[in-house]
Amino acid sequence: MKCIILISTFSTLEEAKEISHDAINEKFAACANIVPVNSIYSWKNSIESSNEFLVIFKTTSSNISKLRDFISDRHGYDIPEIIDFELDNVNDSYLNWMIQSTL
């Protein structure tokens, strides 16, 4: 089983916390870190800037599809950022904790 990081941004801290809490409660993720960020992006032919909350979810390869769907279904954005990547190097005890936390 592999460790997967999924990142997504949210417009409010409340939404970021609620989705993070519920994803962990449902065992789709073992952990979520919420970080305030300033995002600069192209939207409808103009450059926008907004304060957002980046959530870094930690999950396993067996749960990534469920986590993606869960976030997509509940996200407030028209086009949510849902990006994930597999990690090659994770210490064994952390990976074991993640697996146990998402069973």
PDB file of N, CA and C in Angstrom:
ATOM      1  N   MET A   1       0.850  -1.174   0.000  1.00  0.00           N
ATOM      2  CA  MET A   1       0.000   0.000   0.000  1.00  0.00           C
ATOM      3  C   MET A   1       0.895   1.235   0.000  1.00  0.00           C
ATOM      4  N   LYS A   2       0.477   2.255  -0.736  1.00  0.00           N
ATOM      5  CA  LYS A   2       1.265   3.480  -0.877  1.00  0.00           C
ATOM      6  C   LYS A   2       0.615   4.639  -0.122  1.00  0.00           C
ATOM      7  N   CYS A   3       1.450   5.602   0.253  1.00  0.00           N
ATOM      8  CA  CYS A   3       1.001   6.854   0.849  1.00  0.00           C
ATOM      9  C   CYS A   3       0.705   7.834  -0.281  1.00  0.00           C
ATOM     10  N   ILE A   4      -0.442   8.493  -0.187  1.00  0.00           N
ATOM     11  CA  ILE A   4      -0.860   9.473  -1.189  1.00  0.00           C
ATOM     12  C   ILE A   4      -1.115  10.801  -0.489  1.00  0.00           C
ATOM     13  N   ILE A   5      -0.642  11.880  -1.099  1.00  0.00           N
ATOM     14  CA  ILE A   5      -0.953  13.238  -0.656  1.00  0.00           C
ATOM     15  C   ILE A   5      -1.956  13.813  -1.645  1.00  0.00           C
ATOM     16  N   LEU A   6      -3.042  14.356  -1.131  1.00  0.00           N
ATOM     17  CA  LEU A   6      -4.014  15.061  -1.969  1.00  0.00           C
ATOM     18  C   LEU A   6      -4.085  16.486  -1.463  1.00  0.00           C
ATOM     19  N   ILE A   7      -4.012  17.446  -2.385  1.00  0.00           N
ATOM     20  CA  ILE A   7      -4.137  18.850  -1.998  1.00  0.00           C
ATOM     21  C   ILE A   7      -5.375  19.451  -2.643  1.00  0.00           C
ATOM     22  N   SER A   8      -5.988  20.369  -1.903  1.00  0.00           N
ATOM     23  CA  SER A   8      -7.156  21.087  -2.404  1.00  0.00           C
ATOM     24  C   SER A   8      -7.233  22.421  -1.673  1.00  0.00           C
ATOM     25  N   THR A   9      -7.737  23.443  -2.350  1.00  0.00           N
ATOM     26  CA  THR A   9      -7.912  24.748  -1.716  1.00  0.00           C
ATOM     27  C   THR A   9      -9.398  25.019  -1.508  1.00  0.00           C
ATOM     28  N   PHE A  10      -9.688  25.770  -0.442  1.00  0.00           N
ATOM     29  CA  PHE A  10     -11.060  26.100  -0.068  1.00  0.00           C
ATOM     30  C   PHE A  10     -11.157  27.595   0.203  1.00  0.00           C
ATOM     31  N   SER A  11     -12.345  28.146   0.005  1.00  0.00           N
ATOM     32  CA  SER A  11     -12.515  29.593   0.149  1.00  0.00           C
ATOM     33  C   SER A  11     -12.611  30.040   1.601  1.00  0.00           C
ATOM     34  N   THR A  12     -13.054  29.147   2.493  1.00  0.00           N
ATOM     35  CA  THR A  12     -13.183  29.527   3.903  1.00  0.00           C
ATOM     36  C   THR A  12     -12.529  28.484   4.803  1.00  0.00           C
ATOM     37  N   LEU A  13     -12.111  28.938   5.967  1.00  0.00           N
ATOM     38  CA  LEU A  13     -11.550  28.035   6.960  1.00  0.00           C
ATOM     39  C   LEU A  13     -12.607  27.036   7.425  1.00  0.00           C
ATOM     40  N   GLU A  14     -13.837  27.499   7.557  1.00  0.00           N
ATOM     41  CA  GLU A  14     -14.913  26.625   8.010  1.00  0.00           C
ATOM     42  C   GLU A  14     -15.119  25.454   7.053  1.00  0.00           C
ATOM     43  N   GLU A  15     -15.143  25.733   5.738  1.00  0.00           N
ATOM     44  CA  GLU A  15     -15.315  24.663   4.760  1.00  0.00           C
ATOM     45  C   GLU A  15     -14.124  23.702   4.805  1.00  0.00           C
ATOM     46  N   ALA A  16     -12.925  24.244   4.889  1.00  0.00           N
ATOM     47  CA  ALA A  16     -11.722  23.407   4.949  1.00  0.00           C
ATOM     48  C   ALA A  16     -11.756  22.500   6.175  1.00  0.00           C
ATOM     49  N   LYS A  17     -12.131  23.053   7.329  1.00  0.00           N
ATOM     50  CA  LYS A  17     -12.194  22.259   8.558  1.00  0.00           C
ATOM     51  C   LYS A  17     -13.287  21.202   8.490  1.00  0.00           C
ATOM     52  N   GLU A  18     -14.445  21.580   8.001  1.00  0.00           N
ATOM     53  CA  GLU A  18     -15.572  20.644   7.950  1.00  0.00           C
ATOM     54  C   GLU A  18     -15.273  19.454   7.039  1.00  0.00           C
ATOM     55  N   ILE A  19     -14.784  19.736   5.845  1.00  0.00           N
ATOM     56  CA  ILE A  19     -14.483  18.652   4.908  1.00  0.00           C
ATOM     57  C   ILE A  19     -13.330  17.800   5.435  1.00  0.00           C
ATOM     58  N   SER A  20     -12.326  18.425   6.032  1.00  0.00           N
ATOM     59  CA  SER A  20     -11.205  17.669   6.607  1.00  0.00           C
ATOM     60  C   SER A  20     -11.685  16.755   7.729  1.00  0.00           C
ATOM     61  N   HIS A  21     -12.442  17.315   8.640  1.00  0.00           N
ATOM     62  CA  HIS A  21     -12.959  16.537   9.770  1.00  0.00           C
ATOM     63  C   HIS A  21     -13.795  15.356   9.281  1.00  0.00           C
ATOM     64  N   ASP A  22     -14.696  15.621   8.351  1.00  0.00           N
ATOM     65  CA  ASP A  22     -15.583  14.565   7.863  1.00  0.00           C
ATOM     66  C   ASP A  22     -14.820  13.498   7.079  1.00  0.00           C
ATOM     67  N   ALA A  23     -13.811  13.898   6.318  1.00  0.00           N
ATOM     68  CA  ALA A  23     -13.002  12.927   5.568  1.00  0.00           C
ATOM     69  C   ALA A  23     -12.246  12.001   6.523  1.00  0.00           C
ATOM     70  N   ILE A  24     -11.742  12.559   7.609  1.00  0.00           N
ATOM     71  CA  ILE A  24     -11.043  11.740   8.602  1.00  0.00           C
ATOM     72  C   ILE A  24     -12.039  10.859   9.352  1.00  0.00           C
ATOM     73  N   ASN A  25     -13.189  11.415   9.698  1.00  0.00           N
ATOM     74  CA  ASN A  25     -14.225  10.639  10.377  1.00  0.00           C
ATOM     75  C   ASN A  25     -14.697   9.451   9.539  1.00  0.00           C
ATOM     76  N   GLU A  26     -14.787   9.646   8.229  1.00  0.00           N
ATOM     77  CA  GLU A  26     -15.197   8.574   7.312  1.00  0.00           C
ATOM     78  C   GLU A  26     -14.052   7.612   6.987  1.00  0.00           C
ATOM     79  N   LYS A  27     -12.854   7.925   7.491  1.00  0.00           N
ATOM     80  CA  LYS A  27     -11.640   7.130   7.268  1.00  0.00           C
ATOM     81  C   LYS A  27     -11.158   7.155   5.815  1.00  0.00           C
ATOM     82  N   PHE A  28     -11.500   8.242   5.098  1.00  0.00           N
ATOM     83  CA  PHE A  28     -10.981   8.445   3.749  1.00  0.00           C
ATOM     84  C   PHE A  28      -9.572   9.032   3.805  1.00  0.00           C
ATOM     85  N   ALA A  29      -9.234   9.679   4.924  1.00  0.00           N
ATOM     86  CA  ALA A  29      -7.903  10.264   5.133  1.00  0.00           C
ATOM     87  C   ALA A  29      -7.490  10.009   6.575  1.00  0.00           C
ATOM     88  N   ALA A  30      -6.192   9.935   6.804  1.00  0.00           N
ATOM     89  CA  ALA A  30      -5.666   9.752   8.157  1.00  0.00           C
ATOM     90  C   ALA A  30      -5.405  11.090   8.836  1.00  0.00           C
ATOM     91  N   CYS A  31      -5.137  12.115   8.037  1.00  0.00           N
ATOM     92  CA  CYS A  31      -4.687  13.395   8.572  1.00  0.00           C
ATOM     93  C   CYS A  31      -4.950  14.482   7.536  1.00  0.00           C
ATOM     94  N   ALA A  32      -5.127  15.709   8.016  1.00  0.00           N
ATOM     95  CA  ALA A  32      -5.254  16.855   7.117  1.00  0.00           C
ATOM     96  C   ALA A  32      -4.590  18.056   7.779  1.00  0.00           C
ATOM     97  N   ASN A  33      -3.779  18.770   7.023  1.00  0.00           N
ATOM     98  CA  ASN A  33      -3.157  20.008   7.488  1.00  0.00           C
ATOM     99  C   ASN A  33      -3.789  21.158   6.727  1.00  0.00           C
ATOM    100  N   ILE A  34      -4.170  22.207   7.446  1.00  0.00           N
ATOM    101  CA  ILE A  34      -4.814  23.367   6.834  1.00  0.00           C
ATOM    102  C   ILE A  34      -3.865  24.550   6.943  1.00  0.00           C
ATOM    103  N   VAL A  35      -3.576  25.163   5.791  1.00  0.00           N
ATOM    104  CA  VAL A  35      -2.602  26.248   5.719  1.00  0.00           C
ATOM    105  C   VAL A  35      -3.227  27.433   4.980  1.00  0.00           C
ATOM    106  N   PRO A  36      -3.215  28.644   5.571  1.00  0.00           N
ATOM    107  CA  PRO A  36      -3.698  29.807   4.821  1.00  0.00           C
ATOM    108  C   PRO A  36      -2.715  30.158   3.704  1.00  0.00           C
ATOM    109  N   VAL A  37      -3.253  30.457   2.523  1.00  0.00           N
ATOM    110  CA  VAL A  37      -2.419  30.800   1.365  1.00  0.00           C
ATOM    111  C   VAL A  37      -3.051  31.956   0.604  1.00  0.00           C
ATOM    112  N   ASN A  38      -2.232  32.649  -0.168  1.00  0.00           N
ATOM    113  CA  ASN A  38      -2.739  33.623  -1.125  1.00  0.00           C
ATOM    114  C   ASN A  38      -2.527  33.031  -2.502  1.00  0.00           C
ATOM    115  N   SER A  39      -3.607  32.843  -3.230  1.00  0.00           N
ATOM    116  CA  SER A  39      -3.545  32.216  -4.550  1.00  0.00           C
ATOM    117  C   SER A  39      -3.700  33.257  -5.642  1.00  0.00           C
ATOM    118  N   ILE A  40      -2.907  33.126  -6.684  1.00  0.00           N
ATOM    119  CA  ILE A  40      -2.983  33.979  -7.869  1.00  0.00           C
ATOM    120  C   ILE A  40      -3.244  33.051  -9.040  1.00  0.00           C
ATOM    121  N   TYR A  41      -4.294  33.337  -9.799  1.00  0.00           N
ATOM    122  CA  TYR A  41      -4.726  32.409 -10.845  1.00  0.00           C
ATOM    123  C   TYR A  41      -5.492  33.140 -11.944  1.00  0.00           C
ATOM    124  N   SER A  42      -5.588  32.479 -13.068  1.00  0.00           N
ATOM    125  CA  SER A  42      -6.354  32.999 -14.199  1.00  0.00           C
ATOM    126  C   SER A  42      -7.790  32.496 -14.089  1.00  0.00           C
ATOM    127  N   TRP A  43      -8.754  33.418 -14.209  1.00  0.00           N
ATOM    128  CA  TRP A  43     -10.167  33.041 -14.149  1.00  0.00           C
ATOM    129  C   TRP A  43     -10.975  33.976 -15.039  1.00  0.00           C
ATOM    130  N   LYS A  44     -11.630  33.403 -16.018  1.00  0.00           N
ATOM    131  CA  LYS A  44     -12.490  34.155 -16.940  1.00  0.00           C
ATOM    132  C   LYS A  44     -11.748  35.339 -17.564  1.00  0.00           C
ATOM    133  N   ASN A  45     -10.570  35.042 -18.110  1.00  0.00           N
ATOM    134  CA  ASN A  45      -9.751  36.011 -18.852  1.00  0.00           C
ATOM    135  C   ASN A  45      -9.188  37.150 -18.014  1.00  0.00           C
ATOM    136  N   SER A  46      -9.060  36.956 -16.722  1.00  0.00           N
ATOM    137  CA  SER A  46      -8.375  37.958 -15.906  1.00  0.00           C
ATOM    138  C   SER A  46      -7.549  37.251 -14.830  1.00  0.00           C
ATOM    139  N   ILE A  47      -6.589  37.993 -14.297  1.00  0.00           N
ATOM    140  CA  ILE A  47      -5.747  37.464 -13.226  1.00  0.00           C
ATOM    141  C   ILE A  47      -6.405  37.821 -11.902  1.00  0.00           C
ATOM    142  N   GLU A  48      -6.651  36.810 -11.092  1.00  0.00           N
ATOM    143  CA  GLU A  48      -7.316  36.983  -9.804  1.00  0.00           C
ATOM    144  C   GLU A  48      -6.341  36.665  -8.674  1.00  0.00           C
ATOM    145  N   SER A  49      -6.642  37.194  -7.507  1.00  0.00           N
ATOM    146  CA  SER A  49      -5.878  36.894  -6.303  1.00  0.00           C
ATOM    147  C   SER A  49      -6.876  36.753  -5.158  1.00  0.00           C
ATOM    148  N   SER A  50      -6.721  35.701  -4.364  1.00  0.00           N
ATOM    149  CA  SER A  50      -7.635  35.528  -3.238  1.00  0.00           C
ATOM    150  C   SER A  50      -6.953  34.775  -2.102  1.00  0.00           C
ATOM    151  N   ASN A  51      -7.431  35.039  -0.911  1.00  0.00           N
ATOM    152  CA  ASN A  51      -6.983  34.291   0.255  1.00  0.00           C
ATOM    153  C   ASN A  51      -7.789  33.002   0.316  1.00  0.00           C
ATOM    154  N   GLU A  52      -7.083  31.908   0.465  1.00  0.00           N
ATOM    155  CA  GLU A  52      -7.725  30.600   0.506  1.00  0.00           C
ATOM    156  C   GLU A  52      -7.077  29.770   1.608  1.00  0.00           C
ATOM    157  N   PHE A  53      -7.590  28.552   1.750  1.00  0.00           N
ATOM    158  CA  PHE A  53      -7.038  27.610   2.717  1.00  0.00           C
ATOM    159  C   PHE A  53      -6.672  26.333   1.982  1.00  0.00           C
ATOM    160  N   LEU A  54      -5.378  26.029   1.979  1.00  0.00           N
ATOM    161  CA  LEU A  54      -4.859  24.825   1.344  1.00  0.00           C
ATOM    162  C   LEU A  54      -4.943  23.686   2.352  1.00  0.00           C
ATOM    163  N   VAL A  55      -5.565  22.590   1.938  1.00  0.00           N
ATOM    164  CA  VAL A  55      -5.616  21.409   2.795  1.00  0.00           C
ATOM    165  C   VAL A  55      -4.743  20.331   2.167  1.00  0.00           C
ATOM    166  N   ILE A  56      -3.861  19.787   2.990  1.00  0.00           N
ATOM    167  CA  ILE A  56      -2.985  18.689   2.587  1.00  0.00           C
ATOM    168  C   ILE A  56      -3.513  17.437   3.288  1.00  0.00           C
ATOM    169  N   PHE A  57      -4.168  16.592   2.519  1.00  0.00           N
ATOM    170  CA  PHE A  57      -4.716  15.346   3.054  1.00  0.00           C
ATOM    171  C   PHE A  57      -3.687  14.236   2.886  1.00  0.00           C
ATOM    172  N   LYS A  58      -3.563  13.367   3.893  1.00  0.00           N
ATOM    173  CA  LYS A  58      -2.729  12.170   3.776  1.00  0.00           C
ATOM    174  C   LYS A  58      -3.646  10.964   3.784  1.00  0.00           C
ATOM    175  N   THR A  59      -3.501  10.119   2.770  1.00  0.00           N
ATOM    176  CA  THR A  59      -4.327   8.930   2.668  1.00  0.00           C
ATOM    177  C   THR A  59      -3.513   7.795   2.066  1.00  0.00           C
ATOM    178  N   THR A  60      -4.181   6.703   1.787  1.00  0.00           N
ATOM    179  CA  THR A  60      -3.520   5.539   1.207  1.00  0.00           C
ATOM    180  C   THR A  60      -4.052   5.280  -0.195  1.00  0.00           C
ATOM    181  N   SER A  61      -3.321   4.480  -0.932  1.00  0.00           N
ATOM    182  CA  SER A  61      -3.728   4.161  -2.304  1.00  0.00           C
ATOM    183  C   SER A  61      -5.089   3.474  -2.346  1.00  0.00           C
ATOM    184  N   SER A  62      -5.458   2.760  -1.301  1.00  0.00           N
ATOM    185  CA  SER A  62      -6.758   2.090  -1.293  1.00  0.00           C
ATOM    186  C   SER A  62      -7.917   3.044  -1.018  1.00  0.00           C
ATOM    187  N   ASN A  63      -7.624   4.253  -0.530  1.00  0.00           N
ATOM    188  CA  ASN A  63      -8.682   5.214  -0.200  1.00  0.00           C
ATOM    189  C   ASN A  63      -8.720   6.447  -1.091  1.00  0.00           C
ATOM    190  N   ILE A  64      -7.771   6.586  -2.003  1.00  0.00           N
ATOM    191  CA  ILE A  64      -7.671   7.839  -2.751  1.00  0.00           C
ATOM    192  C   ILE A  64      -8.907   8.110  -3.603  1.00  0.00           C
ATOM    193  N   SER A  65      -9.472   7.112  -4.233  1.00  0.00           N
ATOM    194  CA  SER A  65     -10.665   7.332  -5.066  1.00  0.00           C
ATOM    195  C   SER A  65     -11.839   7.810  -4.224  1.00  0.00           C
ATOM    196  N   LYS A  66     -12.013   7.208  -3.052  1.00  0.00           N
ATOM    197  CA  LYS A  66     -13.100   7.623  -2.157  1.00  0.00           C
ATOM    198  C   LYS A  66     -12.893   9.059  -1.687  1.00  0.00           C
ATOM    199  N   LEU A  67     -11.643   9.413  -1.369  1.00  0.00           N
ATOM    200  CA  LEU A  67     -11.355  10.772  -0.914  1.00  0.00           C
ATOM    201  C   LEU A  67     -11.588  11.780  -2.035  1.00  0.00           C
ATOM    202  N   ARG A  68     -11.128  11.483  -3.238  1.00  0.00           N
ATOM    203  CA  ARG A  68     -11.356  12.378  -4.384  1.00  0.00           C
ATOM    204  C   ARG A  68     -12.849  12.632  -4.581  1.00  0.00           C
ATOM    205  N   ASP A  69     -13.632  11.558  -4.608  1.00  0.00           N
ATOM    206  CA  ASP A  69     -15.079  11.686  -4.821  1.00  0.00           C
ATOM    207  C   ASP A  69     -15.738  12.467  -3.691  1.00  0.00           C
ATOM    208  N   PHE A  70     -15.335  12.194  -2.462  1.00  0.00           N
ATOM    209  CA  PHE A  70     -15.896  12.865  -1.291  1.00  0.00           C
ATOM    210  C   PHE A  70     -15.672  14.375  -1.367  1.00  0.00           C
ATOM    211  N   ILE A  71     -14.452  14.777  -1.681  1.00  0.00           N
ATOM    212  CA  ILE A  71     -14.142  16.206  -1.780  1.00  0.00           C
ATOM    213  C   ILE A  71     -14.877  16.827  -2.960  1.00  0.00           C
ATOM    214  N   SER A  72     -14.858  16.180  -4.090  1.00  0.00           N
ATOM    215  CA  SER A  72     -15.518  16.700  -5.287  1.00  0.00           C
ATOM    216  C   SER A  72     -17.010  16.921  -5.053  1.00  0.00           C
ATOM    217  N   ASP A  73     -17.663  15.992  -4.376  1.00  0.00           N
ATOM    218  CA  ASP A  73     -19.108  16.089  -4.121  1.00  0.00           C
ATOM    219  C   ASP A  73     -19.466  17.217  -3.168  1.00  0.00           C
ATOM    220  N   ARG A  74     -18.558  17.583  -2.269  1.00  0.00           N
ATOM    221  CA  ARG A  74     -18.879  18.562  -1.226  1.00  0.00           C
ATOM    222  C   ARG A  74     -18.222  19.924  -1.419  1.00  0.00           C
ATOM    223  N   HIS A  75     -17.354  20.050  -2.394  1.00  0.00           N
ATOM    224  CA  HIS A  75     -16.567  21.275  -2.571  1.00  0.00           C
ATOM    225  C   HIS A  75     -17.438  22.417  -3.073  1.00  0.00           C
ATOM    226  N   GLY A  76     -17.162  23.624  -2.587  1.00  0.00           N
ATOM    227  CA  GLY A  76     -17.943  24.793  -2.956  1.00  0.00           C
ATOM    228  C   GLY A  76     -17.559  25.451  -4.268  1.00  0.00           C
ATOM    229  N   TYR A  77     -16.403  25.119  -4.828  1.00  0.00           N
ATOM    230  CA  TYR A  77     -15.959  25.752  -6.070  1.00  0.00           C
ATOM    231  C   TYR A  77     -16.573  25.071  -7.288  1.00  0.00           C
ATOM    232  N   ASP A  78     -16.763  25.861  -8.361  1.00  0.00           N
ATOM    233  CA  ASP A  78     -17.228  25.305  -9.641  1.00  0.00           C
ATOM    234  C   ASP A  78     -16.215  24.311 -10.198  1.00  0.00           C
ATOM    235  N   ILE A  79     -14.944  24.667 -10.102  1.00  0.00           N
ATOM    236  CA  ILE A  79     -13.852  23.807 -10.584  1.00  0.00           C
ATOM    237  C   ILE A  79     -12.864  23.640  -9.427  1.00  0.00           C
ATOM    238  N   PRO A  80     -13.098  22.665  -8.554  1.00  0.00           N
ATOM    239  CA  PRO A  80     -12.200  22.516  -7.404  1.00  0.00           C
ATOM    240  C   PRO A  80     -10.837  21.969  -7.796  1.00  0.00           C
ATOM    241  N   GLU A  81      -9.840  22.449  -7.094  1.00  0.00           N
ATOM    242  CA  GLU A  81      -8.482  21.901  -7.238  1.00  0.00           C
ATOM    243  C   GLU A  81      -8.424  20.617  -6.418  1.00  0.00           C
ATOM    244  N   ILE A  82      -8.242  19.506  -7.096  1.00  0.00           N
ATOM    245  CA  ILE A  82      -8.070  18.219  -6.427  1.00  0.00           C
ATOM    246  C   ILE A  82      -6.899  17.537  -7.120  1.00  0.00           C
ATOM    247  N   ILE A  83      -5.741  17.597  -6.478  1.00  0.00           N
ATOM    248  CA  ILE A  83      -4.497  17.095  -7.065  1.00  0.00           C
ATOM    249  C   ILE A  83      -3.891  16.100  -6.081  1.00  0.00           C
ATOM    250  N   ASP A  84      -3.529  14.939  -6.575  1.00  0.00           N
ATOM    251  CA  ASP A  84      -2.884  13.984  -5.681  1.00  0.00           C
ATOM    252  C   ASP A  84      -1.636  13.400  -6.319  1.00  0.00           C
ATOM    253  N   PHE A  85      -0.744  12.941  -5.455  1.00  0.00           N
ATOM    254  CA  PHE A  85       0.486  12.318  -5.932  1.00  0.00           C
ATOM    255  C   PHE A  85       0.942  11.269  -4.935  1.00  0.00           C
ATOM    256  N   GLU A  86       1.546  10.231  -5.478  1.00  0.00           N
ATOM    257  CA  GLU A  86       2.031   9.103  -4.692  1.00  0.00           C
ATOM    258  C   GLU A  86       3.430   9.409  -4.174  1.00  0.00           C
ATOM    259  N   LEU A  87       3.669   9.058  -2.926  1.00  0.00           N
ATOM    260  CA  LEU A  87       4.980   9.281  -2.324  1.00  0.00           C
ATOM    261  C   LEU A  87       5.809   8.006  -2.395  1.00  0.00           C
ATOM    262  N   ASP A  88       7.057   8.162  -2.778  1.00  0.00           N
ATOM    263  CA  ASP A  88       7.956   7.015  -2.882  1.00  0.00           C
ATOM    264  C   ASP A  88       8.625   6.666  -1.559  1.00  0.00           C
ATOM    265  N   ASN A  89       8.862   7.667  -0.727  1.00  0.00           N
ATOM    266  CA  ASN A  89       9.605   7.443   0.509  1.00  0.00           C
ATOM    267  C   ASN A  89       8.821   7.956   1.710  1.00  0.00           C
ATOM    268  N   VAL A  90       8.305   7.024   2.485  1.00  0.00           N
ATOM    269  CA  VAL A  90       7.572   7.347   3.710  1.00  0.00           C
ATOM    270  C   VAL A  90       8.092   6.405   4.785  1.00  0.00           C
ATOM    271  N   ASN A  91       8.371   6.947   5.971  1.00  0.00           N
ATOM    272  CA  ASN A  91       8.898   6.038   6.991  1.00  0.00           C
ATOM    273  C   ASN A  91       7.837   5.001   7.368  1.00  0.00           C
ATOM    274  N   ASP A  92       8.291   3.803   7.649  1.00  0.00           N
ATOM    275  CA  ASP A  92       7.402   2.654   7.847  1.00  0.00           C
ATOM    276  C   ASP A  92       6.381   2.873   8.954  1.00  0.00           C
ATOM    277  N   SER A  93       6.808   3.453  10.062  1.00  0.00           N
ATOM    278  CA  SER A  93       5.871   3.634  11.177  1.00  0.00           C
ATOM    279  C   SER A  93       4.760   4.621  10.823  1.00  0.00           C
ATOM    280  N   TYR A  94       5.092   5.674  10.054  1.00  0.00           N
ATOM    281  CA  TYR A  94       4.063   6.632   9.634  1.00  0.00           C
ATOM    282  C   TYR A  94       3.089   5.973   8.661  1.00  0.00           C
ATOM    283  N   LEU A  95       3.600   5.225   7.703  1.00  0.00           N
ATOM    284  CA  LEU A  95       2.735   4.531   6.754  1.00  0.00           C
ATOM    285  C   LEU A  95       1.828   3.540   7.480  1.00  0.00           C
ATOM    286  N   ASN A  96       2.367   2.807   8.433  1.00  0.00           N
ATOM    287  CA  ASN A  96       1.550   1.864   9.200  1.00  0.00           C
ATOM    288  C   ASN A  96       0.457   2.581   9.979  1.00  0.00           C
ATOM    289  N   TRP A  97       0.788   3.738  10.571  1.00  0.00           N
ATOM    290  CA  TRP A  97      -0.219   4.535  11.275  1.00  0.00           C
ATOM    291  C   TRP A  97      -1.316   4.976  10.311  1.00  0.00           C
ATOM    292  N   MET A  98      -0.927   5.431   9.117  1.00  0.00           N
ATOM    293  CA  MET A  98      -1.918   5.859   8.122  1.00  0.00           C
ATOM    294  C   MET A  98      -2.844   4.708   7.740  1.00  0.00           C
ATOM    295  N   ILE A  99      -2.268   3.556   7.504  1.00  0.00           N
ATOM    296  CA  ILE A  99      -3.073   2.387   7.121  1.00  0.00           C
ATOM    297  C   ILE A  99      -4.068   2.053   8.230  1.00  0.00           C
ATOM    298  N   GLN A 100      -3.591   1.996   9.467  1.00  0.00           N
ATOM    299  CA  GLN A 100      -4.478   1.673  10.590  1.00  0.00           C
ATOM    300  C   GLN A 100      -5.556   2.737  10.796  1.00  0.00           C
ATOM    301  N   SER A 101      -5.235   3.987  10.528  1.00  0.00           N
ATOM    302  CA  SER A 101      -6.183   5.091  10.725  1.00  0.00           C
ATOM    303  C   SER A 101      -7.271   5.141   9.670  1.00  0.00           C
ATOM    304  N   THR A 102      -7.060   4.455   8.567  1.00  0.00           N
ATOM    305  CA  THR A 102      -8.041   4.524   7.474  1.00  0.00           C
ATOM    306  C   THR A 102      -8.727   3.182   7.209  1.00  0.00           C
ATOM    307  N   LEU A 103      -8.567   2.241   8.122  1.00  0.00           N
ATOM    308  CA  LEU A 103      -9.251   0.945   7.962  1.00  0.00           C
ATOM    309  C   LEU A 103     -10.695   1.031   8.407  1.00  0.00           C
TER     310      LEU A 103
END
